[in-house]
Amino acid sequence: MPSVVAVVDDLFFVSKLQETARLVGAQLVTVRAAAFHLDDLRQQKPALIIFDLNTTSGNAAELIRQLKSDAELKEIPVMAFFSHVQVELQRAAQEAGCDQILPRSQFTATLPQLLRQAASSK
């Protein structure tokens, strides 16, 4: 079972996530926002879910809201990242219940540590 599920549409960034996860020994599953389903999470029980707030195939804030409204899944930590100039996305994610929101540059800089922590908490 994955320790991290990442909801990301950007294929270049997916590659970066997968390579970083491989280097730190974290199990990572990536999914496009359009293919994100709560039923899959119930089976996978990840230690962390990461959302790209700039996803184009779905509304990340709405997906976070659904996740945090689900009694069985609401305790899973949710982290999101965004382009620092898109504060409206940050606000929407906060209102949806996202646990931690970082600018993309800060997220990228701390990614190895975040994945390592998720892998060790599994």
PDB file of N, CA and C in Angstrom:
ATOM      1  N   MET A   1       0.832  -1.183   0.000  1.00  0.00           N
ATOM      2  CA  MET A   1       0.000   0.000   0.000  1.00  0.00           C
ATOM      3  C   MET A   1       0.875   1.243   0.000  1.00  0.00           C
ATOM      4  N   PRO A   2       0.431   2.293  -0.717  1.00  0.00           N
ATOM      5  CA  PRO A   2       1.260   3.495  -0.803  1.00  0.00           C
ATOM      6  C   PRO A   2       1.291   4.258   0.517  1.00  0.00           C
ATOM      7  N   SER A   3       2.405   4.863   0.797  1.00  0.00           N
ATOM      8  CA  SER A   3       2.464   5.733   1.962  1.00  0.00           C
ATOM      9  C   SER A   3       1.989   7.131   1.587  1.00  0.00           C
ATOM     10  N   VAL A   4       2.038   7.467   0.276  1.00  0.00           N
ATOM     11  CA  VAL A   4       1.638   8.793  -0.191  1.00  0.00           C
ATOM     12  C   VAL A   4       0.837   8.654  -1.477  1.00  0.00           C
ATOM     13  N   VAL A   5      -0.245   9.411  -1.555  1.00  0.00           N
ATOM     14  CA  VAL A   5      -1.002   9.557  -2.796  1.00  0.00           C
ATOM     15  C   VAL A   5      -0.868  11.010  -3.207  1.00  0.00           C
ATOM     16  N   ALA A   6      -0.459  11.239  -4.451  1.00  0.00           N
ATOM     17  CA  ALA A   6      -0.305  12.599  -4.968  1.00  0.00           C
ATOM     18  C   ALA A   6      -1.288  12.813  -6.107  1.00  0.00           C
ATOM     19  N   VAL A   7      -2.074  13.855  -5.987  1.00  0.00           N
ATOM     20  CA  VAL A   7      -3.049  14.217  -7.006  1.00  0.00           C
ATOM     21  C   VAL A   7      -2.428  15.340  -7.825  1.00  0.00           C
ATOM     22  N   VAL A   8      -1.844  14.939  -8.955  1.00  0.00           N
ATOM     23  CA  VAL A   8      -1.054  15.858  -9.781  1.00  0.00           C
ATOM     24  C   VAL A   8      -1.317  15.543 -11.247  1.00  0.00           C
ATOM     25  N   ASP A   9      -1.553  16.581 -12.040  1.00  0.00           N
ATOM     26  CA  ASP A   9      -1.768  16.409 -13.475  1.00  0.00           C
ATOM     27  C   ASP A   9      -0.509  16.666 -14.298  1.00  0.00           C
ATOM     28  N   ASP A  10       0.412  17.450 -13.776  1.00  0.00           N
ATOM     29  CA  ASP A  10       1.633  17.842 -14.486  1.00  0.00           C
ATOM     30  C   ASP A  10       2.590  16.646 -14.578  1.00  0.00           C
ATOM     31  N   LEU A  11       2.727  16.083 -15.775  1.00  0.00           N
ATOM     32  CA  LEU A  11       3.536  14.872 -15.952  1.00  0.00           C
ATOM     33  C   LEU A  11       5.007  15.078 -15.610  1.00  0.00           C
ATOM     34  N   PHE A  12       5.522  16.269 -15.853  1.00  0.00           N
ATOM     35  CA  PHE A  12       6.921  16.537 -15.493  1.00  0.00           C
ATOM     36  C   PHE A  12       7.095  16.519 -13.978  1.00  0.00           C
ATOM     37  N   PHE A  13       6.130  17.086 -13.267  1.00  0.00           N
ATOM     38  CA  PHE A  13       6.225  17.104 -11.816  1.00  0.00           C
ATOM     39  C   PHE A  13       5.969  15.713 -11.238  1.00  0.00           C
ATOM     40  N   VAL A  14       5.114  14.932 -11.888  1.00  0.00           N
ATOM     41  CA  VAL A  14       4.891  13.544 -11.474  1.00  0.00           C
ATOM     42  C   VAL A  14       6.217  12.793 -11.486  1.00  0.00           C
ATOM     43  N   SER A  15       7.007  12.991 -12.533  1.00  0.00           N
ATOM     44  CA  SER A  15       8.321  12.338 -12.629  1.00  0.00           C
ATOM     45  C   SER A  15       9.216  12.738 -11.467  1.00  0.00           C
ATOM     46  N   LYS A  16       9.208  14.028 -11.123  1.00  0.00           N
ATOM     47  CA  LYS A  16      10.021  14.504 -10.000  1.00  0.00           C
ATOM     48  C   LYS A  16       9.560  13.863  -8.693  1.00  0.00           C
ATOM     49  N   LEU A  17       8.264  13.792  -8.492  1.00  0.00           N
ATOM     50  CA  LEU A  17       7.730  13.167  -7.280  1.00  0.00           C
ATOM     51  C   LEU A  17       8.132  11.694  -7.197  1.00  0.00           C
ATOM     52  N   GLN A  18       7.969  10.992  -8.297  1.00  0.00           N
ATOM     53  CA  GLN A  18       8.287   9.565  -8.317  1.00  0.00           C
ATOM     54  C   GLN A  18       9.772   9.315  -8.066  1.00  0.00           C
ATOM     55  N   GLU A  19      10.626  10.113  -8.668  1.00  0.00           N
ATOM     56  CA  GLU A  19      12.063   9.940  -8.474  1.00  0.00           C
ATOM     57  C   GLU A  19      12.460  10.243  -7.022  1.00  0.00           C
ATOM     58  N   THR A  20      11.911  11.301  -6.468  1.00  0.00           N
ATOM     59  CA  THR A  20      12.219  11.641  -5.078  1.00  0.00           C
ATOM     60  C   THR A  20      11.716  10.546  -4.136  1.00  0.00           C
ATOM     61  N   ALA A  21      10.518  10.041  -4.386  1.00  0.00           N
ATOM     62  CA  ALA A  21       9.983   8.951  -3.557  1.00  0.00           C
ATOM     63  C   ALA A  21      10.880   7.724  -3.638  1.00  0.00           C
ATOM     64  N   ARG A  22      11.336   7.415  -4.830  1.00  0.00           N
ATOM     65  CA  ARG A  22      12.223   6.253  -5.006  1.00  0.00           C
ATOM     66  C   ARG A  22      13.502   6.443  -4.210  1.00  0.00           C
ATOM     67  N   LEU A  23      14.067   7.635  -4.258  1.00  0.00           N
ATOM     68  CA  LEU A  23      15.332   7.911  -3.561  1.00  0.00           C
ATOM     69  C   LEU A  23      15.213   7.816  -2.042  1.00  0.00           C
ATOM     70  N   VAL A  24      14.056   8.172  -1.501  1.00  0.00           N
ATOM     71  CA  VAL A  24      13.897   8.146  -0.039  1.00  0.00           C
ATOM     72  C   VAL A  24      13.173   6.901   0.453  1.00  0.00           C
ATOM     73  N   GLY A  25      12.776   6.025  -0.462  1.00  0.00           N
ATOM     74  CA  GLY A  25      12.140   4.775  -0.070  1.00  0.00           C
ATOM     75  C   GLY A  25      10.670   4.884   0.289  1.00  0.00           C
ATOM     76  N   ALA A  26      10.003   5.886  -0.256  1.00  0.00           N
ATOM     77  CA  ALA A  26       8.568   6.043   0.004  1.00  0.00           C
ATOM     78  C   ALA A  26       7.767   5.420  -1.127  1.00  0.00           C
ATOM     79  N   GLN A  27       6.660   4.814  -0.783  1.00  0.00           N
ATOM     80  CA  GLN A  27       5.772   4.284  -1.811  1.00  0.00           C
ATOM     81  C   GLN A  27       4.804   5.386  -2.203  1.00  0.00           C
ATOM     82  N   LEU A  28       4.775   5.708  -3.487  1.00  0.00           N
ATOM     83  CA  LEU A  28       3.985   6.825  -3.990  1.00  0.00           C
ATOM     84  C   LEU A  28       3.082   6.362  -5.118  1.00  0.00           C
ATOM     85  N   VAL A  29       1.844   6.789  -5.060  1.00  0.00           N
ATOM     86  CA  VAL A  29       0.901   6.575  -6.155  1.00  0.00           C
ATOM     87  C   VAL A  29       0.469   7.961  -6.615  1.00  0.00           C
ATOM     88  N   THR A  30       0.531   8.195  -7.912  1.00  0.00           N
ATOM     89  CA  THR A  30       0.056   9.460  -8.451  1.00  0.00           C
ATOM     90  C   THR A  30      -1.235   9.212  -9.210  1.00  0.00           C
ATOM     91  N   VAL A  31      -2.117  10.197  -9.164  1.00  0.00           N
ATOM     92  CA  VAL A  31      -3.399  10.100  -9.837  1.00  0.00           C
ATOM     93  C   VAL A  31      -3.783  11.490 -10.339  1.00  0.00           C
ATOM     94  N   ARG A  32      -4.385  11.522 -11.504  1.00  0.00           N
ATOM     95  CA  ARG A  32      -4.921  12.790 -12.010  1.00  0.00           C
ATOM     96  C   ARG A  32      -6.161  13.140 -11.194  1.00  0.00           C
ATOM     97  N   ALA A  33      -6.425  14.421 -11.059  1.00  0.00           N
ATOM     98  CA  ALA A  33      -7.585  14.859 -10.280  1.00  0.00           C
ATOM     99  C   ALA A  33      -8.879  14.259 -10.819  1.00  0.00           C
ATOM    100  N   ALA A  34      -8.974  14.121 -12.122  1.00  0.00           N
ATOM    101  CA  ALA A  34     -10.188  13.567 -12.734  1.00  0.00           C
ATOM    102  C   ALA A  34     -10.406  12.106 -12.351  1.00  0.00           C
ATOM    103  N   ALA A  35      -9.351  11.413 -11.943  1.00  0.00           N
ATOM    104  CA  ALA A  35      -9.441   9.995 -11.594  1.00  0.00           C
ATOM    105  C   ALA A  35      -9.388   9.768 -10.077  1.00  0.00           C
ATOM    106  N   PHE A  36      -9.477  10.827  -9.296  1.00  0.00           N
ATOM    107  CA  PHE A  36      -9.398  10.743  -7.840  1.00  0.00           C
ATOM    108  C   PHE A  36     -10.730  10.256  -7.281  1.00  0.00           C
ATOM    109  N   HIS A  37     -10.698   9.160  -6.515  1.00  0.00           N
ATOM    110  CA  HIS A  37     -11.917   8.599  -5.934  1.00  0.00           C
ATOM    111  C   HIS A  37     -11.681   8.248  -4.465  1.00  0.00           C
ATOM    112  N   LEU A  38     -12.606   8.636  -3.631  1.00  0.00           N
ATOM    113  CA  LEU A  38     -12.487   8.361  -2.201  1.00  0.00           C
ATOM    114  C   LEU A  38     -12.458   6.859  -1.909  1.00  0.00           C
ATOM    115  N   ASP A  39     -13.171   6.069  -2.696  1.00  0.00           N
ATOM    116  CA  ASP A  39     -13.174   4.617  -2.474  1.00  0.00           C
ATOM    117  C   ASP A  39     -11.771   4.034  -2.589  1.00  0.00           C
ATOM    118  N   ASP A  40     -10.970   4.555  -3.513  1.00  0.00           N
ATOM    119  CA  ASP A  40      -9.589   4.082  -3.653  1.00  0.00           C
ATOM    120  C   ASP A  40      -8.794   4.360  -2.382  1.00  0.00           C
ATOM    121  N   LEU A  41      -9.025   5.508  -1.765  1.00  0.00           N
ATOM    122  CA  LEU A  41      -8.299   5.867  -0.543  1.00  0.00           C
ATOM    123  C   LEU A  41      -8.680   4.962   0.622  1.00  0.00           C
ATOM    124  N   ARG A  42      -9.927   4.554   0.674  1.00  0.00           N
ATOM    125  CA  ARG A  42     -10.354   3.657   1.748  1.00  0.00           C
ATOM    126  C   ARG A  42      -9.582   2.341   1.690  1.00  0.00           C
ATOM    127  N   GLN A  43      -9.272   1.892   0.504  1.00  0.00           N
ATOM    128  CA  GLN A  43      -8.505   0.664   0.341  1.00  0.00           C
ATOM    129  C   GLN A  43      -7.022   0.899   0.582  1.00  0.00           C
ATOM    130  N   GLN A  44      -6.500   2.027   0.127  1.00  0.00           N
ATOM    131  CA  GLN A  44      -5.061   2.294   0.190  1.00  0.00           C
ATOM    132  C   GLN A  44      -4.604   2.763   1.561  1.00  0.00           C
ATOM    133  N   LYS A  45      -5.415   3.522   2.251  1.00  0.00           N
ATOM    134  CA  LYS A  45      -5.072   4.069   3.569  1.00  0.00           C
ATOM    135  C   LYS A  45      -3.681   4.725   3.585  1.00  0.00           C
ATOM    136  N   PRO A  46      -3.469   5.737   2.754  1.00  0.00           N
ATOM    137  CA  PRO A  46      -2.148   6.378   2.725  1.00  0.00           C
ATOM    138  C   PRO A  46      -1.879   7.189   3.994  1.00  0.00           C
ATOM    139  N   ALA A  47      -0.615   7.425   4.261  1.00  0.00           N
ATOM    140  CA  ALA A  47      -0.219   8.236   5.414  1.00  0.00           C
ATOM    141  C   ALA A  47      -0.322   9.728   5.095  1.00  0.00           C
ATOM    142  N   LEU A  48      -0.338  10.074   3.801  1.00  0.00           N
ATOM    143  CA  LEU A  48      -0.366  11.469   3.371  1.00  0.00           C
ATOM    144  C   LEU A  48      -0.974  11.553   1.983  1.00  0.00           C
ATOM    145  N   ILE A  49      -1.751  12.609   1.759  1.00  0.00           N
ATOM    146  CA  ILE A  49      -2.275  12.899   0.427  1.00  0.00           C
ATOM    147  C   ILE A  49      -1.800  14.291   0.046  1.00  0.00           C
ATOM    148  N   ILE A  50      -1.231  14.391  -1.136  1.00  0.00           N
ATOM    149  CA  ILE A  50      -0.704  15.656  -1.644  1.00  0.00           C
ATOM    150  C   ILE A  50      -1.556  16.096  -2.827  1.00  0.00           C
ATOM    151  N   PHE A  51      -1.934  17.365  -2.838  1.00  0.00           N
ATOM    152  CA  PHE A  51      -2.694  17.940  -3.948  1.00  0.00           C
ATOM    153  C   PHE A  51      -1.919  19.074  -4.596  1.00  0.00           C
ATOM    154  N   ASP A  52      -1.891  19.057  -5.918  1.00  0.00           N
ATOM    155  CA  ASP A  52      -1.426  20.205  -6.688  1.00  0.00           C
ATOM    156  C   ASP A  52      -2.656  21.084  -6.883  1.00  0.00           C
ATOM    157  N   LEU A  53      -2.674  22.251  -6.271  1.00  0.00           N
ATOM    158  CA  LEU A  53      -3.843  23.117  -6.372  1.00  0.00           C
ATOM    159  C   LEU A  53      -4.025  23.666  -7.789  1.00  0.00           C
ATOM    160  N   ASN A  54      -3.000  23.551  -8.618  1.00  0.00           N
ATOM    161  CA  ASN A  54      -3.076  24.024  -9.997  1.00  0.00           C
ATOM    162  C   ASN A  54      -3.533  22.931 -10.961  1.00  0.00           C
ATOM    163  N   THR A  55      -4.027  21.835 -10.453  1.00  0.00           N
ATOM    164  CA  THR A  55      -4.473  20.746 -11.299  1.00  0.00           C
ATOM    165  C   THR A  55      -5.525  21.234 -12.286  1.00  0.00           C
ATOM    166  N   THR A  56      -5.512  20.670 -13.463  1.00  0.00           N
ATOM    167  CA  THR A  56      -6.420  21.137 -14.509  1.00  0.00           C
ATOM    168  C   THR A  56      -7.569  20.179 -14.795  1.00  0.00           C
ATOM    169  N   SER A  57      -7.488  18.951 -14.325  1.00  0.00           N
ATOM    170  CA  SER A  57      -8.524  17.974 -14.661  1.00  0.00           C
ATOM    171  C   SER A  57      -9.619  17.873 -13.600  1.00  0.00           C
ATOM    172  N   GLY A  58      -9.521  18.682 -12.567  1.00  0.00           N
ATOM    173  CA  GLY A  58     -10.525  18.669 -11.507  1.00  0.00           C
ATOM    174  C   GLY A  58     -10.297  19.822 -10.557  1.00  0.00           C
ATOM    175  N   ASN A  59     -11.220  20.024  -9.644  1.00  0.00           N
ATOM    176  CA  ASN A  59     -11.133  21.100  -8.669  1.00  0.00           C
ATOM    177  C   ASN A  59     -10.509  20.546  -7.387  1.00  0.00           C
ATOM    178  N   ALA A  60      -9.246  20.869  -7.159  1.00  0.00           N
ATOM    179  CA  ALA A  60      -8.526  20.320  -6.004  1.00  0.00           C
ATOM    180  C   ALA A  60      -9.189  20.700  -4.684  1.00  0.00           C
ATOM    181  N   ALA A  61      -9.630  21.938  -4.554  1.00  0.00           N
ATOM    182  CA  ALA A  61     -10.262  22.359  -3.296  1.00  0.00           C
ATOM    183  C   ALA A  61     -11.530  21.558  -3.036  1.00  0.00           C
ATOM    184  N   GLU A  62     -12.302  21.287  -4.063  1.00  0.00           N
ATOM    185  CA  GLU A  62     -13.522  20.497  -3.890  1.00  0.00           C
ATOM    186  C   GLU A  62     -13.180  19.056  -3.506  1.00  0.00           C
ATOM    187  N   LEU A  63     -12.137  18.505  -4.105  1.00  0.00           N
ATOM    188  CA  LEU A  63     -11.715  17.150  -3.747  1.00  0.00           C
ATOM    189  C   LEU A  63     -11.254  17.092  -2.295  1.00  0.00           C
ATOM    190  N   ILE A  64     -10.538  18.115  -1.851  1.00  0.00           N
ATOM    191  CA  ILE A  64     -10.101  18.186  -0.447  1.00  0.00           C
ATOM    192  C   ILE A  64     -11.323  18.274   0.464  1.00  0.00           C
ATOM    193  N   ARG A  65     -12.291  19.090   0.087  1.00  0.00           N
ATOM    194  CA  ARG A  65     -13.519  19.233   0.878  1.00  0.00           C
ATOM    195  C   ARG A  65     -14.233  17.873   1.016  1.00  0.00           C
ATOM    196  N   GLN A  66     -14.341  17.149  -0.077  1.00  0.00           N
ATOM    197  CA  GLN A  66     -14.978  15.835  -0.029  1.00  0.00           C
ATOM    198  C   GLN A  66     -14.212  14.883   0.895  1.00  0.00           C
ATOM    199  N   LEU A  67     -12.899  14.899   0.773  1.00  0.00           N
ATOM    200  CA  LEU A  67     -12.051  14.037   1.589  1.00  0.00           C
ATOM    201  C   LEU A  67     -12.204  14.361   3.073  1.00  0.00           C
ATOM    202  N   LYS A  68     -12.163  15.631   3.408  1.00  0.00           N
ATOM    203  CA  LYS A  68     -12.239  16.050   4.810  1.00  0.00           C
ATOM    204  C   LYS A  68     -13.651  15.929   5.375  1.00  0.00           C
ATOM    205  N   SER A  69     -14.642  15.733   4.517  1.00  0.00           N
ATOM    206  CA  SER A  69     -16.019  15.530   4.961  1.00  0.00           C
ATOM    207  C   SER A  69     -16.343  14.057   5.170  1.00  0.00           C
ATOM    208  N   ASP A  70     -15.444  13.188   4.763  1.00  0.00           N
ATOM    209  CA  ASP A  70     -15.668  11.754   4.857  1.00  0.00           C
ATOM    210  C   ASP A  70     -15.198  11.255   6.230  1.00  0.00           C
ATOM    211  N   ALA A  71     -16.097  10.683   6.997  1.00  0.00           N
ATOM    212  CA  ALA A  71     -15.781  10.250   8.365  1.00  0.00           C
ATOM    213  C   ALA A  71     -14.624   9.273   8.431  1.00  0.00           C
ATOM    214  N   GLU A  72     -14.502   8.416   7.446  1.00  0.00           N
ATOM    215  CA  GLU A  72     -13.462   7.390   7.440  1.00  0.00           C
ATOM    216  C   GLU A  72     -12.097   7.928   6.996  1.00  0.00           C
ATOM    217  N   LEU A  73     -12.088   9.021   6.248  1.00  0.00           N
ATOM    218  CA  LEU A  73     -10.842   9.508   5.643  1.00  0.00           C
ATOM    219  C   LEU A  73     -10.361  10.849   6.182  1.00  0.00           C
ATOM    220  N   LYS A  74     -11.169  11.542   6.935  1.00  0.00           N
ATOM    221  CA  LYS A  74     -10.849  12.921   7.313  1.00  0.00           C
ATOM    222  C   LYS A  74      -9.585  13.075   8.151  1.00  0.00           C
ATOM    223  N   GLU A  75      -9.123  11.992   8.788  1.00  0.00           N
ATOM    224  CA  GLU A  75      -7.923  12.081   9.620  1.00  0.00           C
ATOM    225  C   GLU A  75      -6.623  11.956   8.815  1.00  0.00           C
ATOM    226  N   ILE A  76      -6.711  11.567   7.558  1.00  0.00           N
ATOM    227  CA  ILE A  76      -5.498  11.470   6.736  1.00  0.00           C
ATOM    228  C   ILE A  76      -4.978  12.882   6.490  1.00  0.00           C
ATOM    229  N   PRO A  77      -3.710  13.141   6.801  1.00  0.00           N
ATOM    230  CA  PRO A  77      -3.158  14.474   6.558  1.00  0.00           C
ATOM    231  C   PRO A  77      -3.181  14.812   5.068  1.00  0.00           C
ATOM    232  N   VAL A  78      -3.583  16.057   4.786  1.00  0.00           N
ATOM    233  CA  VAL A  78      -3.633  16.546   3.411  1.00  0.00           C
ATOM    234  C   VAL A  78      -2.726  17.757   3.293  1.00  0.00           C
ATOM    235  N   MET A  79      -1.836  17.678   2.326  1.00  0.00           N
ATOM    236  CA  MET A  79      -0.922  18.775   2.036  1.00  0.00           C
ATOM    237  C   MET A  79      -1.182  19.221   0.606  1.00  0.00           C
ATOM    238  N   ALA A  80      -1.041  20.504   0.363  1.00  0.00           N
ATOM    239  CA  ALA A  80      -1.222  21.028  -0.988  1.00  0.00           C
ATOM    240  C   ALA A  80      -0.123  22.021  -1.294  1.00  0.00           C
ATOM    241  N   PHE A  81       0.137  22.182  -2.572  1.00  0.00           N
ATOM    242  CA  PHE A  81       1.092  23.197  -3.010  1.00  0.00           C
ATOM    243  C   PHE A  81       0.474  23.996  -4.146  1.00  0.00           C
ATOM    244  N   PHE A  82       0.984  25.228  -4.304  1.00  0.00           N
ATOM    245  CA  PHE A  82       0.413  26.152  -5.273  1.00  0.00           C
ATOM    246  C   PHE A  82       1.484  27.120  -5.760  1.00  0.00           C
ATOM    247  N   SER A  83       1.186  27.761  -6.861  1.00  0.00           N
ATOM    248  CA  SER A  83       2.051  28.828  -7.341  1.00  0.00           C
ATOM    249  C   SER A  83       1.849  30.020  -6.406  1.00  0.00           C
ATOM    250  N   HIS A  84       2.919  30.602  -5.909  1.00  0.00           N
ATOM    251  CA  HIS A  84       2.833  31.630  -4.869  1.00  0.00           C
ATOM    252  C   HIS A  84       1.986  32.838  -5.258  1.00  0.00           C
ATOM    253  N   VAL A  85       1.733  33.031  -6.529  1.00  0.00           N
ATOM    254  CA  VAL A  85       0.935  34.184  -6.954  1.00  0.00           C
ATOM    255  C   VAL A  85      -0.562  33.889  -6.947  1.00  0.00           C
ATOM    256  N   GLN A  86      -0.938  32.652  -6.712  1.00  0.00           N
ATOM    257  CA  GLN A  86      -2.349  32.262  -6.763  1.00  0.00           C
ATOM    258  C   GLN A  86      -2.920  32.084  -5.362  1.00  0.00           C
ATOM    259  N   VAL A  87      -2.983  33.189  -4.640  1.00  0.00           N
ATOM    260  CA  VAL A  87      -3.442  33.128  -3.252  1.00  0.00           C
ATOM    261  C   VAL A  87      -4.898  32.701  -3.139  1.00  0.00           C
ATOM    262  N   GLU A  88      -5.693  32.883  -4.192  1.00  0.00           N
ATOM    263  CA  GLU A  88      -7.086  32.442  -4.135  1.00  0.00           C
ATOM    264  C   GLU A  88      -7.171  30.917  -4.037  1.00  0.00           C
ATOM    265  N   LEU A  89      -6.225  30.219  -4.666  1.00  0.00           N
ATOM    266  CA  LEU A  89      -6.179  28.759  -4.537  1.00  0.00           C
ATOM    267  C   LEU A  89      -5.811  28.362  -3.112  1.00  0.00           C
ATOM    268  N   GLN A  90      -4.883  29.084  -2.532  1.00  0.00           N
ATOM    269  CA  GLN A  90      -4.495  28.825  -1.145  1.00  0.00           C
ATOM    270  C   GLN A  90      -5.687  29.019  -0.213  1.00  0.00           C
ATOM    271  N   ARG A  91      -6.410  30.085  -0.389  1.00  0.00           N
ATOM    272  CA  ARG A  91      -7.575  30.379   0.443  1.00  0.00           C
ATOM    273  C   ARG A  91      -8.644  29.288   0.287  1.00  0.00           C
ATOM    274  N   ALA A  92      -8.897  28.878  -0.941  1.00  0.00           N
ATOM    275  CA  ALA A  92      -9.903  27.834  -1.188  1.00  0.00           C
ATOM    276  C   ALA A  92      -9.508  26.517  -0.517  1.00  0.00           C
ATOM    277  N   ALA A  93      -8.228  26.179  -0.570  1.00  0.00           N
ATOM    278  CA  ALA A  93      -7.757  24.943   0.061  1.00  0.00           C
ATOM    279  C   ALA A  93      -7.865  25.025   1.582  1.00  0.00           C
ATOM    280  N   GLN A  94      -7.561  26.184   2.140  1.00  0.00           N
ATOM    281  CA  GLN A  94      -7.705  26.365   3.591  1.00  0.00           C
ATOM    282  C   GLN A  94      -9.155  26.189   4.002  1.00  0.00           C
ATOM    283  N   GLU A  95     -10.057  26.806   3.260  1.00  0.00           N
ATOM    284  CA  GLU A  95     -11.481  26.712   3.572  1.00  0.00           C
ATOM    285  C   GLU A  95     -11.997  25.283   3.417  1.00  0.00           C
ATOM    286  N   ALA A  96     -11.387  24.516   2.528  1.00  0.00           N
ATOM    287  CA  ALA A  96     -11.796  23.125   2.299  1.00  0.00           C
ATOM    288  C   ALA A  96     -11.295  22.182   3.400  1.00  0.00           C
ATOM    289  N   GLY A  97     -10.341  22.652   4.214  1.00  0.00           N
ATOM    290  CA  GLY A  97      -9.846  21.835   5.315  1.00  0.00           C
ATOM    291  C   GLY A  97      -8.456  21.269   5.128  1.00  0.00           C
ATOM    292  N   CYS A  98      -7.715  21.755   4.140  1.00  0.00           N
ATOM    293  CA  CYS A  98      -6.354  21.278   3.901  1.00  0.00           C
ATOM    294  C   CYS A  98      -5.497  21.532   5.142  1.00  0.00           C
ATOM    295  N   ASP A  99      -4.708  20.539   5.525  1.00  0.00           N
ATOM    296  CA  ASP A  99      -3.904  20.632   6.746  1.00  0.00           C
ATOM    297  C   ASP A  99      -2.672  21.513   6.596  1.00  0.00           C
ATOM    298  N   GLN A 100      -2.038  21.467   5.437  1.00  0.00           N
ATOM    299  CA  GLN A 100      -0.826  22.259   5.223  1.00  0.00           C
ATOM    300  C   GLN A 100      -0.768  22.664   3.757  1.00  0.00           C
ATOM    301  N   ILE A 101      -0.464  23.947   3.526  1.00  0.00           N
ATOM    302  CA  ILE A 101      -0.403  24.484   2.168  1.00  0.00           C
ATOM    303  C   ILE A 101       0.912  25.234   2.025  1.00  0.00           C
ATOM    304  N   LEU A 102       1.672  24.852   1.002  1.00  0.00           N
ATOM    305  CA  LEU A 102       2.983  25.456   0.777  1.00  0.00           C
ATOM    306  C   LEU A 102       3.091  26.002  -0.634  1.00  0.00           C
ATOM    307  N   PRO A 103       3.839  27.089  -0.805  1.00  0.00           N
ATOM    308  CA  PRO A 103       4.183  27.497  -2.164  1.00  0.00           C
ATOM    309  C   PRO A 103       4.978  26.372  -2.824  1.00  0.00           C
ATOM    310  N   ARG A 104       4.850  26.244  -4.117  1.00  0.00           N
ATOM    311  CA  ARG A 104       5.485  25.134  -4.830  1.00  0.00           C
ATOM    312  C   ARG A 104       6.990  25.064  -4.564  1.00  0.00           C
ATOM    313  N   SER A 105       7.658  26.195  -4.506  1.00  0.00           N
ATOM    314  CA  SER A 105       9.111  26.197  -4.280  1.00  0.00           C
ATOM    315  C   SER A 105       9.462  25.627  -2.908  1.00  0.00           C
ATOM    316  N   GLN A 106       8.700  25.984  -1.898  1.00  0.00           N
ATOM    317  CA  GLN A 106       8.947  25.457  -0.550  1.00  0.00           C
ATOM    318  C   GLN A 106       8.590  23.970  -0.491  1.00  0.00           C
ATOM    319  N   PHE A 107       7.512  23.585  -1.142  1.00  0.00           N
ATOM    320  CA  PHE A 107       7.124  22.182  -1.195  1.00  0.00           C
ATOM    321  C   PHE A 107       8.228  21.348  -1.831  1.00  0.00           C
ATOM    322  N   THR A 108       8.746  21.815  -2.951  1.00  0.00           N
ATOM    323  CA  THR A 108       9.806  21.095  -3.661  1.00  0.00           C
ATOM    324  C   THR A 108      11.058  20.970  -2.798  1.00  0.00           C
ATOM    325  N   ALA A 109      11.394  22.036  -2.083  1.00  0.00           N
ATOM    326  CA  ALA A 109      12.593  22.017  -1.244  1.00  0.00           C
ATOM    327  C   ALA A 109      12.474  21.035  -0.079  1.00  0.00           C
ATOM    328  N   THR A 110      11.264  20.857   0.428  1.00  0.00           N
ATOM    329  CA  THR A 110      11.071  19.972   1.584  1.00  0.00           C
ATOM    330  C   THR A 110      10.529  18.593   1.196  1.00  0.00           C
ATOM    331  N   LEU A 111      10.336  18.348  -0.094  1.00  0.00           N
ATOM    332  CA  LEU A 111       9.739  17.098  -0.562  1.00  0.00           C
ATOM    333  C   LEU A 111      10.435  15.840  -0.039  1.00  0.00           C
ATOM    334  N   PRO A 112      11.760  15.721  -0.091  1.00  0.00           N
ATOM    335  CA  PRO A 112      12.388  14.496   0.423  1.00  0.00           C
ATOM    336  C   PRO A 112      12.032  14.234   1.893  1.00  0.00           C
ATOM    337  N   GLN A 113      12.068  15.270   2.698  1.00  0.00           N
ATOM    338  CA  GLN A 113      11.758  15.112   4.114  1.00  0.00           C
ATOM    339  C   GLN A 113      10.294  14.725   4.305  1.00  0.00           C
ATOM    340  N   LEU A 114       9.390  15.343   3.575  1.00  0.00           N
ATOM    341  CA  LEU A 114       7.966  15.034   3.694  1.00  0.00           C
ATOM    342  C   LEU A 114       7.684  13.575   3.331  1.00  0.00           C
ATOM    343  N   LEU A 115       8.281  13.121   2.243  1.00  0.00           N
ATOM    344  CA  LEU A 115       8.065  11.743   1.809  1.00  0.00           C
ATOM    345  C   LEU A 115       8.684  10.752   2.788  1.00  0.00           C
ATOM    346  N   ARG A 116       9.852  11.077   3.311  1.00  0.00           N
ATOM    347  CA  ARG A 116      10.509  10.221   4.301  1.00  0.00           C
ATOM    348  C   ARG A 116       9.628  10.078   5.546  1.00  0.00           C
ATOM    349  N   GLN A 117       9.081  11.194   6.018  1.00  0.00           N
ATOM    350  CA  GLN A 117       8.211  11.160   7.196  1.00  0.00           C
ATOM    351  C   GLN A 117       6.973  10.319   6.942  1.00  0.00           C
ATOM    352  N   ALA A 118       6.358  10.492   5.778  1.00  0.00           N
ATOM    353  CA  ALA A 118       5.162   9.714   5.446  1.00  0.00           C
ATOM    354  C   ALA A 118       5.485   8.225   5.376  1.00  0.00           C
ATOM    355  N   ALA A 119       6.626   7.904   4.795  1.00  0.00           N
ATOM    356  CA  ALA A 119       7.026   6.499   4.667  1.00  0.00           C
ATOM    357  C   ALA A 119       7.272   5.870   6.031  1.00  0.00           C
ATOM    358  N   SER A 120       7.836   6.630   6.950  1.00  0.00           N
ATOM    359  CA  SER A 120       8.139   6.075   8.266  1.00  0.00           C
ATOM    360  C   SER A 120       6.911   5.995   9.159  1.00  0.00           C
ATOM    361  N   SER A 121       5.869   6.749   8.842  1.00  0.00           N
ATOM    362  CA  SER A 121       4.654   6.716   9.669  1.00  0.00           C
ATOM    363  C   SER A 121       3.705   5.625   9.218  1.00  0.00           C
ATOM    364  N   LYS A 122       3.996   4.972   8.124  1.00  0.00           N
ATOM    365  CA  LYS A 122       3.129   3.938   7.557  1.00  0.00           C
ATOM    366  C   LYS A 122       3.270   2.640   8.298  1.00  0.00           C
TER     367      LYS A 122
END
